[in-house]
Structure formats: structure tokens, C-alpha cells
């Protein structure tokens, strides 16, 4: 899934709001909802671009082991079914 805005852009929007630009004006100007703005503020509030890049790298790093664990759990369940003789 392609994101519409990069972390750098999102942090820029947050900085604009911190600078006094009303949220409704930001949303209208850049074409996103106020719900998106508040979600981003929760996730990226107080970060700078390097912090956001590091967060993205850590999320990506964590995704692989989670996927491997899920696959191993599915394999384990399939083996249990085979051992019980249920197909």
C-alpha cells in the first residue's frame, strides 16, 4: 500500500500547526482529513525527520520476525491437524 504523504511531509504539516496554522486550513490546503492529522500527531508529535526515519526503520525491522512467527504458528497448527488424522 502506497502512502500518500511521506513522514517528512507529515512532520512538516505538524510543524505548520505548531506554528499557528489552524488544523482545518492545513487539511483543506493539503487534502487530508482532520482525523488523519490527529492520528499523525499522536504518532509523530514532537519528532523531527530523523526520528521518523528511525521509527520507520524499526517498524520495518520488526515486521519480518512477526511474519516469520505467524508462518511458524500456522505450520505448527497444520502439523497438529495432520497428526490427529484430520484433513
Protein backbone atom coordinates (compact mmCIF):
# COMPACT_ATOMS: atom_id res chain seq x y z
CA UNK A 1 0.00 0.00 0.00
CA UNK A 2 1.46 3.34 -1.06
CA UNK A 3 1.12 6.14 1.41
CA UNK A 4 0.01 9.48 0.10
CA UNK A 5 2.35 11.51 2.29
CA UNK A 6 5.89 10.80 3.45
CA UNK A 7 6.91 11.04 7.08
CA UNK A 8 8.84 14.19 6.18
CA UNK A 9 5.70 15.81 4.75
CA UNK A 10 3.62 14.77 7.74
CA UNK A 11 6.15 16.25 10.17
CA UNK A 12 6.08 19.42 8.08
CA UNK A 13 2.29 19.59 8.46
CA UNK A 14 2.63 19.11 12.22
CA UNK A 15 5.24 21.87 12.40
CA UNK A 16 2.90 24.20 10.47
CA UNK A 17 0.17 23.53 13.03
CA UNK A 18 2.62 24.15 15.87
CA UNK A 19 3.46 27.45 14.16
CA UNK A 20 -0.15 28.55 14.45
CA UNK A 21 -1.78 27.44 11.20
CA UNK A 22 -5.32 26.21 12.02
CA UNK A 23 -5.79 22.46 11.53
CA UNK A 24 -8.85 22.92 9.30
CA UNK A 25 -6.83 25.21 6.99
CA UNK A 26 -3.96 22.71 6.83
CA UNK A 27 -6.36 19.89 5.98
CA UNK A 28 -8.04 21.87 3.22
CA UNK A 29 -4.74 23.15 1.78
CA UNK A 30 -3.04 19.73 1.61
CA UNK A 31 -6.05 17.48 1.09
CA UNK A 32 -6.21 15.27 4.17
CA UNK A 33 -8.79 14.82 6.92
CA UNK A 34 -8.54 16.23 10.40
CA UNK A 35 -8.74 12.62 11.67
CA UNK A 36 -5.54 11.89 9.72
CA UNK A 37 -3.91 14.96 11.22
CA UNK A 38 -4.72 13.91 14.79
CA UNK A 39 -3.59 10.33 14.10
CA UNK A 40 -0.29 11.66 12.76
CA UNK A 41 0.08 14.00 15.72
CA UNK A 42 -0.32 11.05 18.08
CA UNK A 43 2.27 9.02 16.19
CA UNK A 44 4.80 11.69 15.13
CA UNK A 45 4.18 14.58 17.55
CA UNK A 46 7.43 16.05 18.84
CA UNK A 47 9.59 14.14 16.35
CA UNK A 48 11.92 15.51 13.76
CA UNK A 49 12.55 13.89 10.39
CA UNK A 50 15.48 11.74 11.59
CA UNK A 51 13.32 10.39 14.45
CA UNK A 52 10.57 9.46 11.98
CA UNK A 53 13.06 7.71 9.70
CA UNK A 54 14.38 5.72 12.65
CA UNK A 55 10.82 4.78 13.68
CA UNK A 56 10.08 3.61 10.15
CA UNK A 57 13.28 1.53 10.09
CA UNK A 58 12.42 -0.10 13.42
CA UNK A 59 8.86 -0.88 12.30
CA UNK A 60 10.22 -2.46 9.14
CA UNK A 61 12.79 -4.42 11.14
CA UNK A 62 10.07 -5.74 13.47
CA UNK A 63 7.73 -6.77 10.64
CA UNK A 64 9.94 -9.64 9.42
CA UNK A 65 10.18 -11.56 12.70
CA UNK A 66 6.43 -11.10 13.26
CA UNK A 67 5.72 -12.55 9.82
CA UNK A 68 8.07 -15.48 10.43
CA UNK A 69 6.43 -16.19 13.78
CA UNK A 70 2.95 -16.14 12.23
CA UNK A 71 4.06 -18.54 9.48
CA UNK A 72 5.65 -20.90 12.03
CA UNK A 73 2.46 -20.89 14.11
CA UNK A 74 0.39 -21.75 11.03
CA UNK A 75 2.79 -24.57 10.15
CA UNK A 76 2.54 -25.86 13.71
CA UNK A 77 -1.28 -25.88 13.59
CA UNK A 78 -1.23 -27.68 10.23
CA UNK A 79 1.08 -30.35 11.63
CA UNK A 80 -1.22 -30.85 14.63
CA UNK A 81 -4.15 -31.44 12.27
CA UNK A 82 -2.16 -33.97 10.23
CA UNK A 83 -1.01 -35.82 13.35
CA UNK A 84 -4.60 -36.10 14.57
CA UNK A 85 -5.57 -37.52 11.17
CA UNK A 86 -7.94 -34.66 10.35
CA UNK A 87 -7.66 -33.12 6.92
